[in-house]
Amino acid sequence: MLRIIVVVFALIAAAYLMLRLARELGKADMDWRGIAFVAGFVVLAFYLRHVTEIGGLG
């Protein structure tokens, strides 16, 4: 029962933080092309790591 309560509170806190972050990002003047480039680069790195099995921290 205690685990369920902790998980529910964690989910509520995560949802609150995501909504707050979305609200702040909506107000800010962001360079969305740069953010998309960085996100694409990270996704490509993980994909190539998965396909080639080269790289990583281990």
N, C-alpha and C. Protein backbone atom coordinates (compact mmCIF):
# COMPACT_ATOMS: atom_id res chain seq x y z
N MET A 1 0.83 -1.20 0.00
CA MET A 1 0.00 0.00 0.00
C MET A 1 0.87 1.26 0.00
N LEU A 2 1.92 1.21 0.80
CA LEU A 2 2.82 2.37 0.86
C LEU A 2 3.49 2.61 -0.49
N ARG A 3 3.84 1.53 -1.19
CA ARG A 3 4.45 1.67 -2.51
C ARG A 3 3.51 2.37 -3.49
N ILE A 4 2.25 2.01 -3.44
CA ILE A 4 1.26 2.62 -4.34
C ILE A 4 1.16 4.11 -4.06
N ILE A 5 1.14 4.49 -2.82
CA ILE A 5 1.04 5.91 -2.45
C ILE A 5 2.27 6.66 -2.94
N VAL A 6 3.46 6.08 -2.76
CA VAL A 6 4.69 6.73 -3.22
C VAL A 6 4.68 6.87 -4.73
N VAL A 7 4.26 5.84 -5.45
CA VAL A 7 4.22 5.89 -6.91
C VAL A 7 3.22 6.95 -7.37
N VAL A 8 2.06 7.02 -6.74
CA VAL A 8 1.05 8.01 -7.12
C VAL A 8 1.59 9.42 -6.91
N PHE A 9 2.22 9.66 -5.76
CA PHE A 9 2.79 10.98 -5.51
C PHE A 9 3.91 11.31 -6.50
N ALA A 10 4.72 10.33 -6.86
CA ALA A 10 5.79 10.55 -7.84
C ALA A 10 5.20 10.89 -9.20
N LEU A 11 4.13 10.20 -9.60
CA LEU A 11 3.48 10.50 -10.88
C LEU A 11 2.85 11.89 -10.88
N ILE A 12 2.25 12.26 -9.78
CA ILE A 12 1.65 13.60 -9.68
C ILE A 12 2.74 14.66 -9.76
N ALA A 13 3.85 14.45 -9.06
CA ALA A 13 4.96 15.41 -9.09
C ALA A 13 5.56 15.50 -10.50
N ALA A 14 5.71 14.38 -11.18
CA ALA A 14 6.26 14.38 -12.54
C ALA A 14 5.32 15.11 -13.50
N ALA A 15 4.02 14.89 -13.37
CA ALA A 15 3.06 15.57 -14.23
C ALA A 15 3.09 17.07 -13.98
N TYR A 16 3.18 17.47 -12.71
CA TYR A 16 3.25 18.90 -12.38
C TYR A 16 4.50 19.54 -12.98
N LEU A 17 5.63 18.86 -12.85
CA LEU A 17 6.88 19.40 -13.40
C LEU A 17 6.83 19.49 -14.93
N MET A 18 6.24 18.50 -15.57
CA MET A 18 6.13 18.54 -17.04
C MET A 18 5.23 19.68 -17.49
N LEU A 19 4.11 19.89 -16.81
CA LEU A 19 3.23 20.99 -17.17
C LEU A 19 3.90 22.34 -16.94
N ARG A 20 4.62 22.44 -15.84
CA ARG A 20 5.33 23.69 -15.55
C ARG A 20 6.42 23.97 -16.58
N LEU A 21 7.15 22.92 -16.97
CA LEU A 21 8.19 23.05 -17.99
C LEU A 21 7.58 23.45 -19.33
N ALA A 22 6.48 22.84 -19.69
CA ALA A 22 5.81 23.17 -20.96
C ALA A 22 5.34 24.62 -20.95
N ARG A 23 4.82 25.09 -19.83
CA ARG A 23 4.36 26.46 -19.71
C ARG A 23 5.53 27.45 -19.87
N GLU A 24 6.66 27.15 -19.23
CA GLU A 24 7.83 28.02 -19.32
C GLU A 24 8.42 28.02 -20.73
N LEU A 25 8.46 26.85 -21.37
CA LEU A 25 8.99 26.77 -22.74
C LEU A 25 8.09 27.51 -23.72
N GLY A 26 6.81 27.55 -23.44
CA GLY A 26 5.88 28.28 -24.30
C GLY A 26 6.14 29.78 -24.27
N LYS A 27 6.58 30.29 -23.14
CA LYS A 27 6.87 31.72 -23.01
C LYS A 27 8.21 32.11 -23.61
N ALA A 28 9.16 31.18 -23.56
CA ALA A 28 10.54 31.49 -23.94
C ALA A 28 10.69 31.56 -25.46
N ASP A 29 11.66 32.35 -25.90
CA ASP A 29 12.01 32.43 -27.31
C ASP A 29 13.15 31.44 -27.54
N MET A 30 12.80 30.25 -28.01
CA MET A 30 13.76 29.16 -28.12
C MET A 30 14.21 28.97 -29.56
N ASP A 31 15.42 28.47 -29.73
CA ASP A 31 15.94 28.09 -31.04
C ASP A 31 15.56 26.64 -31.28
N TRP A 32 14.38 26.43 -31.85
CA TRP A 32 13.85 25.08 -32.00
C TRP A 32 14.65 24.26 -33.00
N ARG A 33 15.28 24.91 -33.99
CA ARG A 33 16.12 24.16 -34.94
C ARG A 33 17.32 23.55 -34.24
N GLY A 34 17.93 24.30 -33.35
CA GLY A 34 19.07 23.79 -32.60
C GLY A 34 18.68 22.65 -31.68
N ILE A 35 17.54 22.80 -31.02
CA ILE A 35 17.06 21.75 -30.12
C ILE A 35 16.74 20.49 -30.91
N ALA A 36 16.11 20.65 -32.09
CA ALA A 36 15.79 19.49 -32.93
C ALA A 36 17.07 18.82 -33.42
N PHE A 37 18.09 19.61 -33.75
CA PHE A 37 19.36 19.04 -34.20
C PHE A 37 20.01 18.21 -33.09
N VAL A 38 20.04 18.76 -31.90
CA VAL A 38 20.64 18.03 -30.76
C VAL A 38 19.86 16.76 -30.48
N ALA A 39 18.54 16.84 -30.47
CA ALA A 39 17.72 15.66 -30.22
C ALA A 39 17.94 14.60 -31.30
N GLY A 40 18.00 15.02 -32.55
CA GLY A 40 18.25 14.09 -33.65
C GLY A 40 19.63 13.45 -33.55
N PHE A 41 20.62 14.22 -33.14
CA PHE A 41 21.98 13.71 -32.98
C PHE A 41 22.02 12.63 -31.89
N VAL A 42 21.34 12.89 -30.79
CA VAL A 42 21.31 11.92 -29.69
C VAL A 42 20.58 10.64 -30.12
N VAL A 43 19.47 10.79 -30.81
CA VAL A 43 18.72 9.62 -31.28
C VAL A 43 19.56 8.82 -32.27
N LEU A 44 20.23 9.50 -33.18
CA LEU A 44 21.09 8.82 -34.14
C LEU A 44 22.23 8.08 -33.43
N ALA A 45 22.81 8.69 -32.41
CA ALA A 45 23.88 8.05 -31.67
C ALA A 45 23.39 6.77 -31.00
N PHE A 46 22.22 6.82 -30.37
CA PHE A 46 21.68 5.62 -29.73
C PHE A 46 21.34 4.55 -30.77
N TYR A 47 20.80 4.97 -31.92
CA TYR A 47 20.47 4.01 -32.98
C TYR A 47 21.73 3.33 -33.50
N LEU A 48 22.76 4.11 -33.79
CA LEU A 48 23.99 3.52 -34.30
C LEU A 48 24.66 2.64 -33.25
N ARG A 49 24.55 3.00 -31.98
CA ARG A 49 25.08 2.16 -30.91
C ARG A 49 24.36 0.83 -30.89
N HIS A 50 23.06 0.86 -31.08
CA HIS A 50 22.26 -0.36 -31.08
C HIS A 50 22.58 -1.23 -32.30
N VAL A 51 22.71 -0.64 -33.46
CA VAL A 51 22.92 -1.39 -34.69
C VAL A 51 24.34 -1.95 -34.76
N THR A 52 25.34 -1.14 -34.45
CA THR A 52 26.73 -1.57 -34.63
C THR A 52 27.32 -2.22 -33.38
N GLU A 53 26.71 -2.00 -32.24
CA GLU A 53 27.22 -2.47 -30.95
C GLU A 53 28.62 -1.96 -30.68
N ILE A 54 28.94 -0.79 -31.19
CA ILE A 54 30.22 -0.14 -30.96
C ILE A 54 29.94 1.13 -30.16
N GLY A 55 30.75 1.38 -29.15
CA GLY A 55 30.61 2.61 -28.36
C GLY A 55 29.94 2.33 -27.04
N GLY A 56 29.62 3.39 -26.37
CA GLY A 56 29.00 3.25 -25.07
C GLY A 56 30.02 3.43 -23.95
N LEU A 57 29.59 3.21 -22.75
CA LEU A 57 30.45 3.43 -21.59
C LEU A 57 31.05 2.15 -21.04
N GLY A 58 30.70 1.02 -21.61
CA GLY A 58 31.15 -0.24 -21.03
C GLY A 58 32.16 -0.93 -21.81
